Amino acid sequence: MTTPSNDPLHGVTLQGILEALVAHYEWSGLAERIDIRCFKSDPSIKSSLTFLRKTPWAREKVEALYIKLQRSKRPV
């Protein structure tokens, strides 16, 4: 029997995280929360994924925002 993972990012791709954040905040809201040029200047999923895969500090911020969003959506 497999125990479910407590990791909120388990089974979620970086692309899925980014798409969920863009769907919720839109690019402008995402750029306000995380100061990254690829969110401000001609943003796209593809260019953002390329940047985030090469930049650990930026990826950590995106993942943290995603976790915060998922926690706020959970019913209490």
C-alpha atoms as a PDB file:
ATOM      1  CA  MET A   1       0.000   0.000   0.000  1.00  0.00           C
ATOM      2  CA  THR A   2       1.379   3.390  -0.967  1.00  0.00           C
ATOM      3  CA  THR A   3       1.186   6.318   1.431  1.00  0.00           C
ATOM      4  CA  PRO A   4       0.046   9.577  -0.190  1.00  0.00           C
ATOM      5  CA  SER A   5       2.739  12.222  -0.420  1.00  0.00           C
ATOM      6  CA  ASN A   6       2.517  15.279   1.803  1.00  0.00           C
ATOM      7  CA  ASP A   7       4.433  17.297  -0.795  1.00  0.00           C
ATOM      8  CA  PRO A   8       1.967  19.798  -2.326  1.00  0.00           C
ATOM      9  CA  LEU A   9       4.032  19.798  -5.540  1.00  0.00           C
ATOM     10  CA  HIS A  10       3.979  16.014  -5.916  1.00  0.00           C
ATOM     11  CA  GLY A  11       2.797  15.068  -9.397  1.00  0.00           C
ATOM     12  CA  VAL A  12       2.486  18.674 -10.591  1.00  0.00           C
ATOM     13  CA  THR A  13       4.635  19.843 -13.492  1.00  0.00           C
ATOM     14  CA  LEU A  14       6.222  23.262 -13.683  1.00  0.00           C
ATOM     15  CA  GLN A  15       4.038  23.954 -16.706  1.00  0.00           C
ATOM     16  CA  GLY A  16       0.930  22.997 -14.722  1.00  0.00           C
ATOM     17  CA  ILE A  17       1.985  25.286 -11.884  1.00  0.00           C
ATOM     18  CA  LEU A  18       2.574  28.190 -14.249  1.00  0.00           C
ATOM     19  CA  GLU A  19      -0.707  27.652 -16.113  1.00  0.00           C
ATOM     20  CA  ALA A  20      -2.645  27.561 -12.828  1.00  0.00           C
ATOM     21  CA  LEU A  21      -1.014  30.788 -11.644  1.00  0.00           C
ATOM     22  CA  VAL A  22      -1.659  32.559 -14.948  1.00  0.00           C
ATOM     23  CA  ALA A  23      -5.274  31.375 -14.937  1.00  0.00           C
ATOM     24  CA  HIS A  24      -5.766  32.748 -11.425  1.00  0.00           C
ATOM     25  CA  TYR A  25      -3.647  35.928 -11.377  1.00  0.00           C
ATOM     26  CA  GLU A  26      -3.166  36.609 -15.111  1.00  0.00           C
ATOM     27  CA  TRP A  27       0.265  37.775 -16.261  1.00  0.00           C
ATOM     28  CA  SER A  28      -0.078  41.258 -14.755  1.00  0.00           C
ATOM     29  CA  GLY A  29      -0.991  39.920 -11.316  1.00  0.00           C
ATOM     30  CA  LEU A  30       1.787  37.373 -11.466  1.00  0.00           C
ATOM     31  CA  ALA A  31       4.295  40.098 -12.378  1.00  0.00           C
ATOM     32  CA  GLU A  32       3.129  42.165  -9.385  1.00  0.00           C
ATOM     33  CA  ARG A  33       3.696  39.259  -7.005  1.00  0.00           C
ATOM     34  CA  ILE A  34       6.980  38.016  -8.472  1.00  0.00           C
ATOM     35  CA  ASP A  35       9.274  40.613 -10.032  1.00  0.00           C
ATOM     36  CA  ILE A  36      10.550  38.680 -13.044  1.00  0.00           C
ATOM     37  CA  ARG A  37      10.951  40.292 -16.451  1.00  0.00           C
ATOM     38  CA  CYS A  38       9.606  37.264 -18.342  1.00  0.00           C
ATOM     39  CA  PHE A  39       6.252  37.875 -16.588  1.00  0.00           C
ATOM     40  CA  LYS A  40       6.242  41.566 -17.534  1.00  0.00           C
ATOM     41  CA  SER A  41       7.665  41.880 -21.038  1.00  0.00           C
ATOM     42  CA  ASP A  42       5.819  39.867 -23.704  1.00  0.00           C
ATOM     43  CA  PRO A  43       5.021  36.969 -21.348  1.00  0.00           C
ATOM     44  CA  SER A  44       4.424  33.440 -22.573  1.00  0.00           C
ATOM     45  CA  ILE A  45       4.335  30.013 -20.982  1.00  0.00           C
ATOM     46  CA  LYS A  46       7.231  28.827 -23.161  1.00  0.00           C
ATOM     47  CA  SER A  47       9.609  31.692 -22.372  1.00  0.00           C
ATOM     48  CA  SER A  48       8.724  31.606 -18.685  1.00  0.00           C
ATOM     49  CA  LEU A  49       9.332  27.847 -18.476  1.00  0.00           C
ATOM     50  CA  THR A  50      12.725  28.272 -20.125  1.00  0.00           C
ATOM     51  CA  PHE A  51      13.708  30.954 -17.601  1.00  0.00           C
ATOM     52  CA  LEU A  52      12.318  29.127 -14.567  1.00  0.00           C
ATOM     53  CA  ARG A  53      14.088  25.884 -15.443  1.00  0.00           C
ATOM     54  CA  LYS A  54      17.429  27.735 -15.530  1.00  0.00           C
ATOM     55  CA  THR A  55      16.854  29.948 -12.481  1.00  0.00           C
ATOM     56  CA  PRO A  56      16.351  28.117  -9.164  1.00  0.00           C
ATOM     57  CA  TRP A  57      15.502  31.205  -7.064  1.00  0.00           C
ATOM     58  CA  ALA A  58      12.747  32.232  -9.468  1.00  0.00           C
ATOM     59  CA  ARG A  59      11.341  28.711  -9.622  1.00  0.00           C
ATOM     60  CA  GLU A  60      11.234  28.586  -5.813  1.00  0.00           C
ATOM     61  CA  LYS A  61       9.197  31.802  -5.725  1.00  0.00           C
ATOM     62  CA  VAL A  62       6.757  30.482  -8.336  1.00  0.00           C
ATOM     63  CA  GLU A  63       6.361  27.185  -6.480  1.00  0.00           C
ATOM     64  CA  ALA A  64       5.809  28.999  -3.166  1.00  0.00           C
ATOM     65  CA  LEU A  65       3.108  31.189  -4.721  1.00  0.00           C
ATOM     66  CA  TYR A  66       1.436  28.086  -6.175  1.00  0.00           C
ATOM     67  CA  ILE A  67       1.435  26.363  -2.770  1.00  0.00           C
ATOM     68  CA  LYS A  68      -0.042  29.490  -1.183  1.00  0.00           C
ATOM     69  CA  LEU A  69      -2.757  29.589  -3.866  1.00  0.00           C
ATOM     70  CA  GLN A  70      -3.619  25.914  -3.372  1.00  0.00           C
ATOM     71  CA  ARG A  71      -3.868  26.342   0.409  1.00  0.00           C
ATOM     72  CA  SER A  72      -6.196  29.318   0.003  1.00  0.00           C
ATOM     73  CA  LYS A  73      -8.486  27.237  -2.252  1.00  0.00           C
ATOM     74  CA  ARG A  74      -8.824  24.360   0.234  1.00  0.00           C
ATOM     75  CA  PRO A  75     -12.056  24.250   2.204  1.00  0.00           C
ATOM     76  CA  VAL A  76     -11.566  24.518   5.942  1.00  0.00           C
END
